[in-house]
PDB file of all heavy atoms in Angstrom:
ATOM      1  N   SER A   1      86.285  84.424  42.792  1.00  0.00           N
ATOM      2  CA  SER A   1      85.425  83.359  42.278  1.00  0.00           C
ATOM      3  C   SER A   1      86.211  82.394  41.395  1.00  0.00           C
ATOM      4  O   SER A   1      87.342  82.649  40.985  1.00  0.00           O
ATOM      5  CB  SER A   1      84.274  83.958  41.464  1.00  0.00           C
ATOM      6  OG  SER A   1      84.759  84.503  40.256  1.00  0.00           O
ATOM      7  N   TRP A   2      85.565  81.285  41.096  1.00  0.00           N
ATOM      8  CA  TRP A   2      86.160  80.283  40.215  1.00  0.00           C
ATOM      9  C   TRP A   2      86.443  80.886  38.839  1.00  0.00           C
ATOM     10  O   TRP A   2      87.487  80.647  38.250  1.00  0.00           O
ATOM     11  CB  TRP A   2      85.204  79.090  40.099  1.00  0.00           C
ATOM     12  CG  TRP A   2      85.728  77.979  39.237  1.00  0.00           C
ATOM     13  CD1 TRP A   2      86.547  76.967  39.611  1.00  0.00           C
ATOM     14  CD2 TRP A   2      85.463  77.794  37.841  1.00  0.00           C
ATOM     15  NE1 TRP A   2      86.822  76.149  38.541  1.00  0.00           N
ATOM     16  CE2 TRP A   2      86.156  76.633  37.431  1.00  0.00           C
ATOM     17  CE3 TRP A   2      84.702  78.478  36.898  1.00  0.00           C
ATOM     18  CZ2 TRP A   2      86.121  76.156  36.132  1.00  0.00           C
ATOM     19  CZ3 TRP A   2      84.684  77.995  35.606  1.00  0.00           C
ATOM     20  CH2 TRP A   2      85.383  76.839  35.228  1.00  0.00           C
ATOM     21  N   TYR A   3      85.503  81.707  38.347  1.00  0.00           N
ATOM     22  CA  TYR A   3      85.665  82.356  37.039  1.00  0.00           C
ATOM     23  C   TYR A   3      86.856  83.324  37.051  1.00  0.00           C
ATOM     24  O   TYR A   3      87.629  83.377  36.086  1.00  0.00           O
ATOM     25  CB  TYR A   3      84.396  83.109  36.634  1.00  0.00           C
ATOM     26  CG  TYR A   3      83.239  82.190  36.372  1.00  0.00           C
ATOM     27  CD1 TYR A   3      82.173  82.116  37.259  1.00  0.00           C
ATOM     28  CD2 TYR A   3      83.211  81.387  35.243  1.00  0.00           C
ATOM     29  CE1 TYR A   3      81.109  81.251  37.031  1.00  0.00           C
ATOM     30  CE2 TYR A   3      82.155  80.527  35.002  1.00  0.00           C
ATOM     31  CZ  TYR A   3      81.109  80.460  35.897  1.00  0.00           C
ATOM     32  OH  TYR A   3      80.069  79.609  35.657  1.00  0.00           O
ATOM     33  N   ALA A   4      87.019  84.051  38.133  1.00  0.00           N
ATOM     34  CA  ALA A   4      88.139  84.988  38.242  1.00  0.00           C
ATOM     35  C   ALA A   4      89.468  84.232  38.216  1.00  0.00           C
ATOM     36  O   ALA A   4      90.423  84.663  37.561  1.00  0.00           O
ATOM     37  CB  ALA A   4      88.023  85.813  39.520  1.00  0.00           C
ATOM     38  N   HIS A   5      89.519  83.099  38.879  1.00  0.00           N
ATOM     39  CA  HIS A   5      90.752  82.300  38.890  1.00  0.00           C
ATOM     40  C   HIS A   5      91.063  81.748  37.494  1.00  0.00           C
ATOM     41  O   HIS A   5      92.236  81.656  37.098  1.00  0.00           O
ATOM     42  CB  HIS A   5      90.655  81.162  39.906  1.00  0.00           C
ATOM     43  CG  HIS A   5      90.739  81.645  41.325  1.00  0.00           C
ATOM     44  ND1 HIS A   5      91.936  81.889  41.946  1.00  0.00           N
ATOM     45  CD2 HIS A   5      89.766  81.961  42.223  1.00  0.00           C
ATOM     46  CE1 HIS A   5      91.705  82.312  43.175  1.00  0.00           C
ATOM     47  NE2 HIS A   5      90.400  82.367  43.364  1.00  0.00           N
ATOM     48  N   LYS A   6      90.012  81.384  36.755  1.00  0.00           N
ATOM     49  CA  LYS A   6      90.233  80.888  35.392  1.00  0.00           C
ATOM     50  C   LYS A   6      90.725  82.015  34.474  1.00  0.00           C
ATOM     51  O   LYS A   6      91.575  81.790  33.606  1.00  0.00           O
ATOM     52  CB  LYS A   6      88.962  80.250  34.822  1.00  0.00           C
ATOM     53  CG  LYS A   6      88.571  78.974  35.532  1.00  0.00           C
ATOM     54  CD  LYS A   6      89.719  77.980  35.446  1.00  0.00           C
ATOM     55  CE  LYS A   6      89.479  76.789  36.354  1.00  0.00           C
ATOM     56  NZ  LYS A   6      90.646  75.948  36.491  1.00  0.00           N
ATOM     57  N   ILE A   7      90.202  83.215  34.653  1.00  0.00           N
ATOM     58  CA  ILE A   7      90.671  84.372  33.882  1.00  0.00           C
ATOM     59  C   ILE A   7      92.131  84.659  34.227  1.00  0.00           C
ATOM     60  O   ILE A   7      92.959  84.883  33.335  1.00  0.00           O
ATOM     61  CB  ILE A   7      89.773  85.607  34.142  1.00  0.00           C
ATOM     62  CG1 ILE A   7      88.396  85.379  33.515  1.00  0.00           C
ATOM     63  CG2 ILE A   7      90.432  86.882  33.626  1.00  0.00           C
ATOM     64  CD1 ILE A   7      87.360  86.407  33.892  1.00  0.00           C
ATOM     65  N   ARG A   8      92.455  84.616  35.525  1.00  0.00           N
ATOM     66  CA  ARG A   8      93.842  84.803  35.976  1.00  0.00           C
ATOM     67  C   ARG A   8      94.749  83.760  35.330  1.00  0.00           C
ATOM     68  O   ARG A   8      95.811  84.090  34.788  1.00  0.00           O
ATOM     69  CB  ARG A   8      93.899  84.697  37.495  1.00  0.00           C
ATOM     70  CG  ARG A   8      95.268  84.757  38.088  1.00  0.00           C
ATOM     71  CD  ARG A   8      95.206  84.464  39.603  1.00  0.00           C
ATOM     72  NE  ARG A   8      96.519  84.458  40.197  1.00  0.00           N
ATOM     73  CZ  ARG A   8      97.326  83.398  40.242  1.00  0.00           C
ATOM     74  NH1 ARG A   8      96.953  82.256  39.702  1.00  0.00           N
ATOM     75  NH2 ARG A   8      98.505  83.482  40.812  1.00  0.00           N
ATOM     76  N   ASP A   9      94.338  82.504  35.366  1.00  0.00           N
ATOM     77  CA  ASP A   9      95.133  81.427  34.770  1.00  0.00           C
ATOM     78  C   ASP A   9      95.316  81.639  33.266  1.00  0.00           C
ATOM     79  O   ASP A   9      96.393  81.367  32.718  1.00  0.00           O
ATOM     80  CB  ASP A   9      94.481  80.067  35.033  1.00  0.00           C
ATOM     81  CG  ASP A   9      94.519  79.663  36.496  1.00  0.00           C
ATOM     82  OD1 ASP A   9      95.298  80.277  37.269  1.00  0.00           O
ATOM     83  OD2 ASP A   9      93.773  78.741  36.876  1.00  0.00           O
ATOM     84  N   CYS A  10      94.278  82.113  32.606  1.00  0.00           N
ATOM     85  CA  CYS A  10      94.340  82.373  31.165  1.00  0.00           C
ATOM     86  C   CYS A  10      95.353  83.477  30.868  1.00  0.00           C
ATOM     87  O   CYS A  10      96.168  83.341  29.946  1.00  0.00           O
ATOM     88  CB  CYS A  10      92.956  82.748  30.643  1.00  0.00           C
ATOM     89  SG  CYS A  10      92.925  83.127  28.884  1.00  0.00           S
ATOM     90  N   TRP A  11      95.312  84.564  31.632  1.00  0.00           N
ATOM     91  CA  TRP A  11      96.256  85.662  31.415  1.00  0.00           C
ATOM     92  C   TRP A  11      97.692  85.212  31.671  1.00  0.00           C
ATOM     93  O   TRP A  11      98.602  85.575  30.935  1.00  0.00           O
ATOM     94  CB  TRP A  11      95.912  86.853  32.292  1.00  0.00           C
ATOM     95  CG  TRP A  11      94.659  87.567  31.879  1.00  0.00           C
ATOM     96  CD1 TRP A  11      94.002  87.462  30.695  1.00  0.00           C
ATOM     97  CD2 TRP A  11      93.922  88.496  32.665  1.00  0.00           C
ATOM     98  NE1 TRP A  11      92.905  88.278  30.689  1.00  0.00           N
ATOM     99  CE2 TRP A  11      92.823  88.926  31.888  1.00  0.00           C
ATOM    100  CE3 TRP A  11      94.061  89.012  33.943  1.00  0.00           C
ATOM    101  CZ2 TRP A  11      91.896  89.848  32.352  1.00  0.00           C
ATOM    102  CZ3 TRP A  11      93.132  89.932  34.410  1.00  0.00           C
ATOM    103  CH2 TRP A  11      92.055  90.343  33.610  1.00  0.00           C
ATOM    104  N   ILE A  12      97.881  84.433  32.720  1.00  0.00           N
ATOM    105  CA  ILE A  12      99.217  83.915  33.018  1.00  0.00           C
ATOM    106  C   ILE A  12      99.687  82.995  31.894  1.00  0.00           C
ATOM    107  O   ILE A  12     100.844  83.049  31.463  1.00  0.00           O
ATOM    108  CB  ILE A  12      99.238  83.193  34.384  1.00  0.00           C
ATOM    109  CG1 ILE A  12      99.054  84.213  35.514  1.00  0.00           C
ATOM    110  CG2 ILE A  12     100.526  82.403  34.562  1.00  0.00           C
ATOM    111  CD1 ILE A  12      98.867  83.582  36.888  1.00  0.00           C
ATOM    112  N   SER A  13      98.787  82.172  31.386  1.00  0.00           N
ATOM    113  CA  SER A  13      99.126  81.250  30.302  1.00  0.00           C
ATOM    114  C   SER A  13      99.491  82.012  29.020  1.00  0.00           C
ATOM    115  O   SER A  13     100.459  81.657  28.336  1.00  0.00           O
ATOM    116  CB  SER A  13      97.961  80.306  30.043  1.00  0.00           C
ATOM    117  OG  SER A  13      98.235  79.459  28.970  1.00  0.00           O
ATOM    118  N   GLU A  14      98.740  83.046  28.708  1.00  0.00           N
ATOM    119  CA  GLU A  14      99.042  83.845  27.518  1.00  0.00           C
ATOM    120  C   GLU A  14     100.410  84.511  27.639  1.00  0.00           C
ATOM    121  O   GLU A  14     101.193  84.532  26.683  1.00  0.00           O
ATOM    122  CB  GLU A  14      97.962  84.896  27.287  1.00  0.00           C
ATOM    123  CG  GLU A  14      96.655  84.329  26.786  1.00  0.00           C
ATOM    124  CD  GLU A  14      95.541  85.366  26.710  1.00  0.00           C
ATOM    125  OE1 GLU A  14      95.760  86.536  27.098  1.00  0.00           O
ATOM    126  OE2 GLU A  14      94.446  84.991  26.266  1.00  0.00           O
ATOM    127  N   ALA A  15     100.704  85.048  28.822  1.00  0.00           N
ATOM    128  CA  ALA A  15     102.012  85.677  29.038  1.00  0.00           C
ATOM    129  C   ALA A  15     103.122  84.627  28.968  1.00  0.00           C
ATOM    130  O   ALA A  15     104.195  84.883  28.408  1.00  0.00           O
ATOM    131  CB  ALA A  15     102.042  86.400  30.377  1.00  0.00           C
ATOM    132  N   SER A  16     102.870  83.444  29.510  1.00  0.00           N
ATOM    133  CA  SER A  16     103.866  82.362  29.465  1.00  0.00           C
ATOM    134  C   SER A  16     104.146  81.956  28.026  1.00  0.00           C
ATOM    135  O   SER A  16     105.304  81.690  27.665  1.00  0.00           O
ATOM    136  CB  SER A  16     103.380  81.152  30.251  1.00  0.00           C
ATOM    137  OG  SER A  16     103.346  81.439  31.621  1.00  0.00           O
ATOM    138  N   ASP A  17     103.103  81.893  27.214  1.00  0.00           N
ATOM    139  CA  ASP A  17     103.296  81.558  25.798  1.00  0.00           C
ATOM    140  C   ASP A  17     104.180  82.595  25.108  1.00  0.00           C
ATOM    141  O   ASP A  17     105.057  82.248  24.316  1.00  0.00           O
ATOM    142  CB  ASP A  17     101.961  81.454  25.068  1.00  0.00           C
ATOM    143  CG  ASP A  17     101.213  80.179  25.372  1.00  0.00           C
ATOM    144  OD1 ASP A  17     101.821  79.250  25.946  1.00  0.00           O
ATOM    145  OD2 ASP A  17     100.009  80.107  25.039  1.00  0.00           O
ATOM    146  N   LYS A  18     103.949  83.860  25.410  1.00  0.00           N
ATOM    147  CA  LYS A  18     104.770  84.907  24.802  1.00  0.00           C
ATOM    148  C   LYS A  18     106.205  84.846  25.301  1.00  0.00           C
ATOM    149  O   LYS A  18     107.144  85.106  24.549  1.00  0.00           O
ATOM    150  CB  LYS A  18     104.166  86.279  25.065  1.00  0.00           C
ATOM    151  CG  LYS A  18     102.891  86.497  24.273  1.00  0.00           C
ATOM    152  CD  LYS A  18     102.323  87.865  24.461  1.00  0.00           C
ATOM    153  CE  LYS A  18     101.059  87.965  23.606  1.00  0.00           C
ATOM    154  NZ  LYS A  18     100.403  89.237  23.724  1.00  0.00           N
ATOM    155  N   LEU A  19     106.384  84.486  26.571  1.00  0.00           N
ATOM    156  CA  LEU A  19     107.742  84.348  27.113  1.00  0.00           C
ATOM    157  C   LEU A  19     108.475  83.158  26.492  1.00  0.00           C
ATOM    158  O   LEU A  19     109.677  83.208  26.266  1.00  0.00           O
ATOM    159  CB  LEU A  19     107.693  84.185  28.634  1.00  0.00           C
ATOM    160  CG  LEU A  19     107.398  85.447  29.441  1.00  0.00           C
ATOM    161  CD1 LEU A  19     107.071  85.094  30.885  1.00  0.00           C
ATOM    162  CD2 LEU A  19     108.566  86.414  29.380  1.00  0.00           C
ATOM    163  N   ASP A  20     107.739  82.080  26.226  1.00  0.00           N
ATOM    164  CA  ASP A  20     108.347  80.856  25.696  1.00  0.00           C
ATOM    165  C   ASP A  20     108.569  80.883  24.191  1.00  0.00           C
ATOM    166  O   ASP A  20     109.227  79.980  23.654  1.00  0.00           O
ATOM    167  CB  ASP A  20     107.477  79.643  26.039  1.00  0.00           C
ATOM    168  CG  ASP A  20     107.606  79.234  27.487  1.00  0.00           C
ATOM    169  OD1 ASP A  20     108.654  79.525  28.095  1.00  0.00           O
ATOM    170  OD2 ASP A  20     106.659  78.626  28.015  1.00  0.00           O
ATOM    171  N   GLN A  21     108.034  81.908  23.516  1.00  0.00           N
ATOM    172  CA  GLN A  21     108.178  81.951  22.061  1.00  0.00           C
ATOM    173  C   GLN A  21     109.644  81.847  21.657  1.00  0.00           C
ATOM    174  O   GLN A  21     110.504  82.514  22.229  1.00  0.00           O
ATOM    175  CB  GLN A  21     107.613  83.257  21.499  1.00  0.00           C
ATOM    176  CG  GLN A  21     106.145  83.241  21.277  1.00  0.00           C
ATOM    177  CD  GLN A  21     105.662  84.546  20.670  1.00  0.00           C
ATOM    178  OE1 GLN A  21     106.304  85.577  20.758  1.00  0.00           O
ATOM    179  NE2 GLN A  21     104.498  84.492  20.053  1.00  0.00           N
ATOM    180  N   ARG A  22     109.918  81.023  20.709  1.00  0.00           N
ATOM    181  CA  ARG A  22     111.237  80.826  20.100  1.00  0.00           C
ATOM    182  C   ARG A  22     112.280  80.202  21.017  1.00  0.00           C
ATOM    183  O   ARG A  22     113.409  79.980  20.606  1.00  0.00           O
ATOM    184  CB  ARG A  22     111.759  82.130  19.510  1.00  0.00           C
ATOM    185  CG  ARG A  22     110.949  82.583  18.316  1.00  0.00           C
ATOM    186  CD  ARG A  22     111.502  83.825  17.690  1.00  0.00           C
ATOM    187  NE  ARG A  22     110.934  85.086  18.075  1.00  0.00           N
ATOM    188  CZ  ARG A  22     109.671  85.450  17.977  1.00  0.00           C
ATOM    189  NH1 ARG A  22     108.791  84.629  17.545  1.00  0.00           N
ATOM    190  NH2 ARG A  22     109.268  86.646  18.323  1.00  0.00           N
ATOM    191  N   MET A  23     111.937  79.916  22.272  1.00  0.00           N
ATOM    192  CA  MET A  23     112.918  79.300  23.177  1.00  0.00           C
ATOM    193  C   MET A  23     113.283  77.888  22.709  1.00  0.00           C
ATOM    194  O   MET A  23     114.445  77.503  22.748  1.00  0.00           O
ATOM    195  CB  MET A  23     112.403  79.282  24.617  1.00  0.00           C
ATOM    196  CG  MET A  23     112.376  80.646  25.286  1.00  0.00           C
ATOM    197  SD  MET A  23     113.985  81.452  25.328  1.00  0.00           S
ATOM    198  CE  MET A  23     114.882  80.356  26.407  1.00  0.00           C
ATOM    199  N   LEU A  24     112.296  77.127  22.268  1.00  0.00           N
ATOM    200  CA  LEU A  24     112.578  75.775  21.781  1.00  0.00           C
ATOM    201  C   LEU A  24     113.433  75.826  20.512  1.00  0.00           C
ATOM    202  O   LEU A  24     114.357  75.026  20.350  1.00  0.00           O
ATOM    203  CB  LEU A  24     111.279  75.009  21.536  1.00  0.00           C
ATOM    204  CG  LEU A  24     111.424  73.556  21.099  1.00  0.00           C
ATOM    205  CD1 LEU A  24     112.175  72.750  22.157  1.00  0.00           C
ATOM    206  CD2 LEU A  24     110.069  72.942  20.838  1.00  0.00           C
ATOM    207  N   LEU A  25     113.148  76.782  19.651  1.00  0.00           N
ATOM    208  CA  LEU A  25     113.941  76.936  18.428  1.00  0.00           C
ATOM    209  C   LEU A  25     115.384  77.305  18.765  1.00  0.00           C
ATOM    210  O   LEU A  25     116.328  76.785  18.163  1.00  0.00           O
ATOM    211  CB  LEU A  25     113.311  77.993  17.515  1.00  0.00           C
ATOM    212  CG  LEU A  25     114.018  78.252  16.199  1.00  0.00           C
ATOM    213  CD1 LEU A  25     114.143  76.977  15.369  1.00  0.00           C
ATOM    214  CD2 LEU A  25     113.284  79.333  15.413  1.00  0.00           C
ATOM    215  N   ILE A  26     115.576  78.169  19.741  1.00  0.00           N
ATOM    216  CA  ILE A  26     116.924  78.553  20.162  1.00  0.00           C
ATOM    217  C   ILE A  26     117.674  77.335  20.683  1.00  0.00           C
ATOM    218  O   ILE A  26     118.826  77.082  20.303  1.00  0.00           O
ATOM    219  CB  ILE A  26     116.877  79.674  21.220  1.00  0.00           C
ATOM    220  CG1 ILE A  26     116.413  80.987  20.576  1.00  0.00           C
ATOM    221  CG2 ILE A  26     118.233  79.847  21.898  1.00  0.00           C
ATOM    222  CD1 ILE A  26     116.081  82.085  21.557  1.00  0.00           C
ATOM    223  N   LYS A  27     117.021  76.553  21.538  1.00  0.00           N
ATOM    224  CA  LYS A  27     117.670  75.355  22.084  1.00  0.00           C
ATOM    225  C   LYS A  27     117.980  74.342  20.972  1.00  0.00           C
ATOM    226  O   LYS A  27     119.014  73.678  21.007  1.00  0.00           O
ATOM    227  CB  LYS A  27     116.777  74.718  23.145  1.00  0.00           C
ATOM    228  CG  LYS A  27     116.670  75.554  24.402  1.00  0.00           C
ATOM    229  CD  LYS A  27     115.692  74.934  25.386  1.00  0.00           C
ATOM    230  CE  LYS A  27     115.517  75.810  26.602  1.00  0.00           C
ATOM    231  NZ  LYS A  27     114.527  75.275  27.534  1.00  0.00           N
ATOM    232  N   THR A  28     117.103  74.255  20.006  1.00  0.00           N
ATOM    233  CA  THR A  28     117.337  73.357  18.876  1.00  0.00           C
ATOM    234  C   THR A  28     118.542  73.808  18.056  1.00  0.00           C
ATOM    235  O   THR A  28     119.376  72.987  17.652  1.00  0.00           O
ATOM    236  CB  THR A  28     116.083  73.267  17.988  1.00  0.00           C
ATOM    237  OG1 THR A  28     114.981  72.820  18.785  1.00  0.00           O
ATOM    238  CG2 THR A  28     116.287  72.333  16.821  1.00  0.00           C
ATOM    239  N   LEU A  29     118.647  75.110  17.817  1.00  0.00           N
ATOM    240  CA  LEU A  29     119.791  75.630  17.055  1.00  0.00           C
ATOM    241  C   LEU A  29     121.102  75.430  17.814  1.00  0.00           C
ATOM    242  O   LEU A  29     122.136  75.140  17.205  1.00  0.00           O
ATOM    243  CB  LEU A  29     119.577  77.105  16.718  1.00  0.00           C
ATOM    244  CG  LEU A  29     118.481  77.385  15.685  1.00  0.00           C
ATOM    245  CD1 LEU A  29     118.235  78.880  15.562  1.00  0.00           C
ATOM    246  CD2 LEU A  29     118.822  76.781  14.347  1.00  0.00           C
ATOM    247  N   VAL A  30     121.051  75.575  19.144  1.00  0.00           N
ATOM    248  CA  VAL A  30     122.246  75.319  19.952  1.00  0.00           C
ATOM    249  C   VAL A  30     122.683  73.869  19.776  1.00  0.00           C
ATOM    250  O   VAL A  30     123.866  73.577  19.592  1.00  0.00           O
ATOM    251  CB  VAL A  30     121.985  75.646  21.443  1.00  0.00           C
ATOM    252  CG1 VAL A  30     123.100  75.115  22.319  1.00  0.00           C
ATOM    253  CG2 VAL A  30     121.816  77.138  21.652  1.00  0.00           C
ATOM    254  N   ALA A  31     121.721  72.959  19.814  1.00  0.00           N
ATOM    255  CA  ALA A  31     122.040  71.532  19.648  1.00  0.00           C
ATOM    256  C   ALA A  31     122.464  71.209  18.215  1.00  0.00           C
ATOM    257  O   ALA A  31     123.224  70.261  17.992  1.00  0.00           O
ATOM    258  CB  ALA A  31     120.835  70.685  20.039  1.00  0.00           C
ATOM    259  N   LEU A  32     122.001  71.995  17.261  1.00  0.00           N
ATOM    260  CA  LEU A  32     122.320  71.744  15.861  1.00  0.00           C
ATOM    261  C   LEU A  32     123.754  72.149  15.496  1.00  0.00           C
ATOM    262  O   LEU A  32     124.356  71.548  14.599  1.00  0.00           O
ATOM    263  CB  LEU A  32     121.317  72.496  14.981  1.00  0.00           C
ATOM    264  CG  LEU A  32     121.321  72.215  13.495  1.00  0.00           C
ATOM    265  CD1 LEU A  32     120.963  70.755  13.241  1.00  0.00           C
ATOM    266  CD2 LEU A  32     120.334  73.130  12.792  1.00  0.00           C
ATOM    267  N   CYS A  33     124.305  73.131  16.192  1.00  0.00           N
ATOM    268  CA  CYS A  33     125.652  73.631  15.861  1.00  0.00           C
ATOM    269  C   CYS A  33     126.711  72.527  15.832  1.00  0.00           C
ATOM    270  O   CYS A  33     127.436  72.405  14.838  1.00  0.00           O
ATOM    271  CB  CYS A  33     126.059  74.740  16.826  1.00  0.00           C
ATOM    272  SG  CYS A  33     125.248  76.303  16.512  1.00  0.00           S
ATOM    273  N   PRO A  34     126.849  71.699  16.883  1.00  0.00           N
ATOM    274  CA  PRO A  34     127.879  70.655  16.798  1.00  0.00           C
ATOM    275  C   PRO A  34     127.568  69.611  15.726  1.00  0.00           C
ATOM    276  O   PRO A  34     128.487  69.037  15.130  1.00  0.00           O
ATOM    277  CB  PRO A  34     127.901  70.010  18.179  1.00  0.00           C
ATOM    278  CG  PRO A  34     126.896  70.682  19.003  1.00  0.00           C
ATOM    279  CD  PRO A  34     126.232  71.732  18.192  1.00  0.00           C
ATOM    280  N   LEU A  35     126.293  69.392  15.457  1.00  0.00           N
ATOM    281  CA  LEU A  35     125.938  68.417  14.422  1.00  0.00           C
ATOM    282  C   LEU A  35     126.346  68.907  13.038  1.00  0.00           C
ATOM    283  O   LEU A  35     126.825  68.125  12.212  1.00  0.00           O
ATOM    284  CB  LEU A  35     124.448  68.108  14.474  1.00  0.00           C
ATOM    285  CG  LEU A  35     123.959  67.451  15.768  1.00  0.00           C
ATOM    286  CD1 LEU A  35     122.448  67.284  15.748  1.00  0.00           C
ATOM    287  CD2 LEU A  35     124.649  66.129  15.986  1.00  0.00           C
TER     288      LEU A  35
END
């Protein structure tokens, strides 16, 4: 159902958020080193 797909999307989004945690900060620190 449409509701099941939205629940699936929500779970995938939550897992993606946990996977992406601190990745932007890491990339920022990499860029900060030469500066």
